[in-house]
Protein backbone atom coordinates (compact mmCIF):
# COMPACT_ATOMS: atom_id res chain seq x y z
CA MET A 1 -34.80 -94.11 3.21
CA TYR A 2 -37.57 -93.65 6.22
CA GLY A 3 -38.41 -95.45 8.98
CA LEU A 4 -42.03 -95.62 9.63
CA LEU A 5 -44.70 -96.54 13.14
CA THR A 6 -47.84 -98.28 11.18
CA SER A 7 -50.48 -98.86 13.17
CA PRO A 8 -51.03 -102.89 11.76
CA SER A 9 -55.47 -102.48 13.02
CA ALA A 10 -57.63 -99.64 12.45
CA ARG A 11 -58.46 -99.36 15.74
CA ALA A 12 -59.10 -100.84 18.63
CA PRO A 13 -61.78 -103.63 19.34
CA LEU A 14 -62.24 -102.82 22.61
CA LEU A 15 -63.45 -99.28 21.28
CA GLY A 16 -66.27 -98.07 19.60
CA ASP A 17 -65.71 -95.46 15.82
CA PHE A 18 -64.94 -92.27 17.10
CA SER A 19 -66.77 -90.37 14.77
CA SER A 20 -65.46 -86.72 14.39
CA PRO A 21 -63.88 -86.07 11.71
CA SER A 22 -61.12 -84.51 13.24
CA ALA A 23 -59.83 -88.66 14.34
CA ARG A 24 -60.44 -89.88 10.54
CA ALA A 25 -58.22 -87.21 9.07
CA LEU A 26 -55.52 -88.07 11.35
CA PRO A 27 -52.66 -90.16 9.38
CA ARG A 28 -52.23 -93.31 10.71
CA THR A 29 -49.08 -93.04 9.77
CA LEU A 30 -45.28 -91.41 11.82
CA ALA A 31 -42.77 -90.67 9.51
CA PHE A 32 -39.12 -90.44 10.90
CA PRO A 33 -36.29 -89.19 8.69
CA ALA A 34 -33.80 -91.33 8.58
CA ARG A 35 -29.85 -90.76 9.54
CA PRO A 36 -26.86 -91.73 7.24
CA LEU A 37 -24.73 -93.97 8.26
CA PRO A 38 -21.25 -93.99 8.43
CA LEU A 39 -19.26 -95.55 5.29
CA GLY A 40 -17.98 -98.75 5.16
CA LEU A 41 -21.90 -99.75 6.92
CA ARG A 42 -24.72 -101.23 4.61
CA ALA A 43 -28.29 -101.00 5.36
CA SER A 44 -30.01 -104.32 6.14
CA PRO A 45 -33.93 -104.65 7.07
CA PRO A 46 -34.50 -105.86 10.57
CA ARG A 47 -35.88 -109.05 10.55
CA ALA A 48 -39.00 -110.02 12.24
CA THR A 49 -40.12 -112.86 14.22
CA ALA A 50 -43.30 -114.10 13.80
CA GLU A 51 -43.48 -113.53 17.86
CA ALA A 52 -42.57 -110.01 17.38
CA SER A 53 -45.25 -109.11 14.84
CA ALA A 54 -47.68 -110.80 16.40
CA ALA A 55 -46.92 -109.23 19.44
CA ALA A 56 -46.21 -105.60 17.70
CA SER A 57 -49.48 -105.91 15.95
CA ALA A 58 -51.48 -106.84 18.72
CA LEU A 59 -50.04 -103.87 20.97
CA GLY A 60 -50.51 -101.50 17.91
CA GLY A 61 -54.68 -101.86 17.89
CA LEU A 62 -54.58 -101.50 21.09
CA LEU A 63 -52.62 -98.30 21.32
CA ALA A 64 -52.49 -96.38 18.32
CA SER A 65 -56.48 -95.62 18.58
CA PRO A 66 -56.62 -94.34 21.74
CA LEU A 67 -53.50 -92.68 20.99
CA SER A 68 -54.91 -91.03 18.26
CA MET A 69 -58.66 -90.46 19.99
CA LEU A 70 -56.57 -88.27 22.65
CA GLU A 71 -54.65 -86.73 20.12
CA ALA A 72 -57.69 -85.26 18.41
CA GLY A 73 -60.08 -84.26 21.39
CA LEU A 74 -56.85 -82.23 22.33
CA ARG A 75 -56.33 -80.33 18.85
CA SER A 76 -60.61 -80.61 19.13
CA VAL A 77 -59.82 -78.14 22.79
CA ASN A 78 -60.31 -74.79 21.95
CA LEU A 79 -57.98 -72.87 24.50
CA ALA A 80 -58.88 -69.21 23.43
CA PRO A 81 -61.39 -68.67 25.85
CA LEU A 82 -58.89 -68.99 28.42
CA ARG A 83 -55.92 -66.80 27.67
CA ALA A 84 -57.51 -63.31 28.88
CA PRO A 85 -58.24 -65.25 32.71
CA VAL A 86 -55.17 -67.45 32.52
CA ALA A 87 -52.76 -64.06 31.77
CA ALA A 88 -54.72 -62.09 33.76
CA ALA A 89 -54.27 -64.59 37.42
CA MET A 90 -51.03 -65.09 36.19
CA SER A 91 -50.47 -60.64 36.18
CA ALA A 92 -51.68 -60.61 39.39
CA ALA A 93 -50.16 -63.11 40.89
CA VAL A 94 -46.80 -61.24 39.82
CA ARG A 95 -48.31 -58.27 41.38
CA TRP A 96 -48.77 -59.72 45.33
CA LEU A 97 -45.21 -61.16 44.70
CA GLY A 98 -43.72 -57.74 43.70
CA VAL A 99 -45.38 -55.95 47.09
CA TYR A 100 -44.74 -59.64 49.21
CA ARG A 101 -41.05 -58.57 48.43
CA GLU A 102 -41.24 -55.07 49.69
CA VAL A 103 -43.25 -56.11 52.50
CA LEU A 104 -40.07 -58.89 53.42
CA LEU A 105 -37.03 -55.99 53.08
CA VAL A 106 -39.00 -53.96 55.14
CA GLY A 107 -39.26 -57.64 57.57
CA VAL A 108 -35.45 -57.70 56.92
CA LEU A 109 -34.46 -54.60 57.55
CA LEU A 110 -36.51 -53.54 60.43
CA SER A 111 -35.59 -56.90 62.14
CA TRP A 112 -31.41 -55.30 62.18
CA PHE A 113 -32.27 -53.58 65.28
CA PRO A 114 -33.12 -54.82 68.41
CA ASN A 115 -34.63 -52.22 69.98
CA ILE A 116 -37.84 -52.46 67.99
CA PRO A 117 -41.05 -54.39 69.88
CA TRP A 118 -42.02 -56.94 67.93
CA ASP A 119 -45.09 -57.75 70.22
CA ARG A 120 -46.84 -54.96 69.19
CA GLN A 121 -48.93 -53.86 65.74
CA PRO A 122 -48.00 -53.03 63.59
CA PHE A 123 -44.79 -55.30 63.77
CA SER A 124 -46.23 -58.24 65.13
CA ALA A 125 -48.26 -58.45 61.35
CA LEU A 126 -45.17 -57.74 59.71
CA ARG A 127 -43.65 -60.20 61.77
CA ASP A 128 -46.73 -63.23 61.48
CA LEU A 129 -46.58 -62.16 57.66
CA CYS A 130 -43.20 -62.49 56.93
CA ASP A 131 -41.43 -64.76 59.44
CA PRO A 132 -42.79 -68.50 57.94
CA PHE A 133 -41.57 -67.73 54.66
CA LEU A 134 -38.58 -66.90 56.23
CA ALA A 135 -38.45 -70.04 58.40
CA LEU A 136 -38.94 -72.06 55.17
CA CYS A 137 -36.21 -70.66 53.36
CA ARG A 138 -33.90 -71.15 56.89
CA GLU A 139 -34.48 -74.70 56.50
CA VAL A 140 -32.39 -74.74 52.72
CA MET A 141 -30.34 -72.25 54.45
CA PRO A 142 -29.62 -72.11 58.03
CA PRO A 143 -27.43 -69.11 59.44
CA VAL A 144 -23.97 -69.44 59.59
CA PHE A 145 -20.64 -68.44 61.49
CA GLY A 146 -22.45 -69.49 64.57
CA ARG A 147 -25.48 -68.68 63.99
CA LYS A 148 -24.56 -65.26 64.03
CA LEU A 149 -25.04 -64.48 60.05
CA ASP A 150 -29.50 -65.11 58.50
CA LEU A 151 -28.28 -65.25 55.08
CA SER A 152 -32.48 -67.30 54.58
CA PRO A 153 -34.07 -63.61 52.79
CA LEU A 154 -31.33 -63.16 50.07
CA VAL A 155 -32.25 -67.59 49.53
CA ALA A 156 -36.47 -65.88 50.06
CA PHE A 157 -35.78 -63.19 47.60
CA MET A 158 -34.47 -65.72 45.07
CA ALA A 159 -37.18 -67.76 45.19
CA ILE A 160 -39.74 -65.18 45.04
CA ASP A 161 -37.89 -63.72 41.78
CA ILE A 162 -37.24 -67.00 40.05
CA ILE A 163 -41.51 -66.91 40.68
CA ILE A 164 -41.33 -63.57 39.18
CA MET A 165 -40.12 -64.59 36.26
CA ILE A 166 -41.81 -67.68 34.65
CA LEU A 167 -45.13 -66.29 35.60
CA ARG A 168 -44.34 -63.50 34.12
CA PRO A 169 -45.39 -63.47 30.62
CA GLN A 170 -42.59 -63.40 27.48
CA PRO A 171 -42.63 -60.86 24.85
CA ARG A 172 -43.83 -62.50 21.85
CA MET A 173 -41.37 -61.95 18.43
């Protein structure tokens, strides 16, 4: 037993004929396998009123054709030329984030030493690179124990690692 969704009209009245071969080859009916009923229940066909069937035919005529046209348009797009540049950009972003993670580690470790002159180079450049991201992470995790223990670097490293895991390509099986 199958439940059916059909579009009563072949195309929307306001849209012209979409004359690509892939659009004509698309089926107008989608079938979903029905679940078995529990014991003791009988299957009865749903009773449609005249108003409900008129509304469904009006909506089906307006929605079925644009959706099928969109599906046909998406199937006809060739994404193969974009795979290499997108993969290269993702790889470059992963490398950049790895370098930034190392710079952040050096900045956090140097912040433990109070005698470092942060107003001179290269320390001021290091602070200019690390402080904006750490300030953002301090909004997520404020310092604890009366502002004596700053856990924002942990949040920063976790965020960078999560972004790297998302961007790193997964091996195909």
